[in-house]
Amino acid sequence: MKIDNSIKPAGSAKVRETHTPASGKSAPTPQTGGGASVQLSGLSVQLQASGDAPVFDAARVSQIKQAIADGKFQINAGAIADRLLSSARELVDAERQS
């Protein structure tokens, strides 16, 4: 399947600054020529700001895939259980505080 990159957007997008009450920060918001606008939440702005960091380590994923293929990948069930319990405790504590 070939992807055609020749299609251009209908209008030129304008960027304007908006104030998001949740974060108290301004975020660029695209606005199309038709008057439609998009407002980003504070979390969305934070996620965009952290977009420079890779989501995952491709080299590590490759190592794990190879270990699985070779039958050498070992799962540490104790460590998984400990982290699961720790996560559950954090959730319960956060629920109690709210």
Protein backbone atom coordinates (compact mmCIF):
# COMPACT_ATOMS: atom_id res chain seq x y z
CA MET A 1 0.00 0.00 0.00
CA LYS A 2 1.38 3.38 -0.99
CA ILE A 3 0.66 6.47 1.07
CA ASP A 4 0.05 9.61 -0.95
CA ASN A 5 1.66 12.66 0.68
CA SER A 6 0.43 15.06 -2.01
CA ILE A 7 -2.77 16.05 -0.15
CA LYS A 8 -2.44 19.50 1.44
CA PRO A 9 -4.62 20.85 4.28
CA ALA A 10 -7.55 23.04 3.15
CA GLY A 11 -6.61 26.13 5.15
CA SER A 12 -3.50 27.46 6.74
CA ALA A 13 -3.43 26.77 10.46
CA LYS A 14 -2.87 29.65 12.84
CA VAL A 15 -1.46 29.21 16.32
CA ARG A 16 -2.67 31.34 19.17
CA GLU A 17 -1.83 31.29 22.86
CA THR A 18 -4.57 30.21 25.26
CA HIS A 19 -4.60 30.08 29.01
CA THR A 20 -5.43 26.72 30.57
CA PRO A 21 -6.87 27.12 34.08
CA ALA A 22 -5.74 23.67 35.26
CA SER A 23 -2.03 24.32 34.80
CA GLY A 24 -1.86 28.10 34.75
CA LYS A 25 0.35 27.90 31.65
CA SER A 26 -0.22 29.11 28.12
CA ALA A 27 -0.27 26.56 25.35
CA PRO A 28 -0.15 27.03 21.58
CA THR A 29 -3.51 26.13 20.13
CA PRO A 30 -4.07 25.57 16.41
CA GLN A 31 -6.94 27.46 14.82
CA THR A 32 -8.14 26.75 11.31
CA GLY A 33 -9.33 29.37 8.87
CA GLY A 34 -12.94 28.24 9.48
CA GLY A 35 -12.95 29.55 13.04
CA ALA A 36 -12.79 26.16 14.80
CA SER A 37 -10.37 26.00 17.71
CA VAL A 38 -8.81 23.37 19.90
CA GLN A 39 -7.87 23.87 23.54
CA LEU A 40 -5.35 21.61 25.21
CA SER A 41 -5.64 20.46 28.81
CA GLY A 42 -2.80 20.94 31.26
CA LEU A 43 -1.95 17.24 31.07
CA SER A 44 -1.81 17.42 27.28
CA VAL A 45 0.62 20.33 27.48
CA GLN A 46 2.81 18.38 29.91
CA LEU A 47 2.79 15.33 27.64
CA GLN A 48 3.80 17.45 24.66
CA ALA A 49 6.61 19.03 26.67
CA SER A 50 7.95 15.59 27.57
CA GLY A 51 7.73 14.49 23.93
CA ASP A 52 11.49 14.85 23.52
CA ALA A 53 12.15 11.76 25.64
CA PRO A 54 11.75 8.42 23.88
CA VAL A 55 8.67 6.45 24.88
CA PHE A 56 10.67 3.25 25.03
CA ASP A 57 14.25 2.04 24.63
CA ALA A 58 14.37 0.33 21.23
CA ALA A 59 17.71 -1.33 22.00
CA ARG A 60 16.31 -2.84 25.21
CA VAL A 61 13.22 -4.09 23.37
CA SER A 62 15.49 -5.71 20.82
CA GLN A 63 17.50 -7.41 23.57
CA ILE A 64 14.34 -8.76 25.19
CA LYS A 65 12.99 -10.02 21.86
CA GLN A 66 16.25 -11.84 21.20
CA ALA A 67 16.27 -13.36 24.70
CA ILE A 68 12.70 -14.60 24.20
CA ALA A 69 13.57 -16.03 20.78
CA ASP A 70 16.59 -17.80 22.28
CA GLY A 71 14.55 -19.14 25.20
CA LYS A 72 16.81 -17.30 27.68
CA PHE A 73 14.32 -14.71 28.95
CA GLN A 74 13.50 -15.29 32.61
CA ILE A 75 10.64 -13.69 34.50
CA ASN A 76 11.20 -12.67 38.11
CA ALA A 77 7.75 -13.38 39.56
CA GLY A 78 8.77 -12.09 43.00
CA ALA A 79 9.77 -8.67 41.65
CA ILE A 80 6.55 -8.43 39.63
CA ALA A 81 4.48 -9.33 42.70
CA ASP A 82 6.33 -6.78 44.86
CA ARG A 83 5.76 -3.99 42.34
CA LEU A 84 2.11 -4.94 41.91
CA LEU A 85 1.55 -4.83 45.67
CA SER A 86 3.41 -1.52 45.94
CA SER A 87 1.26 -0.05 43.18
CA ALA A 88 -1.91 -1.29 44.87
CA ARG A 89 -0.80 0.27 48.19
CA GLU A 90 -0.17 3.61 46.47
CA LEU A 91 -3.63 3.52 44.89
CA VAL A 92 -5.30 2.71 48.21
CA ASP A 93 -3.35 5.46 50.00
CA ALA A 94 -4.24 7.99 47.30
CA GLU A 95 -7.92 7.02 47.56
CA ARG A 96 -7.85 7.45 51.34
CA GLN A 97 -6.31 10.92 51.05
CA SER A 98 -8.95 12.19 48.64
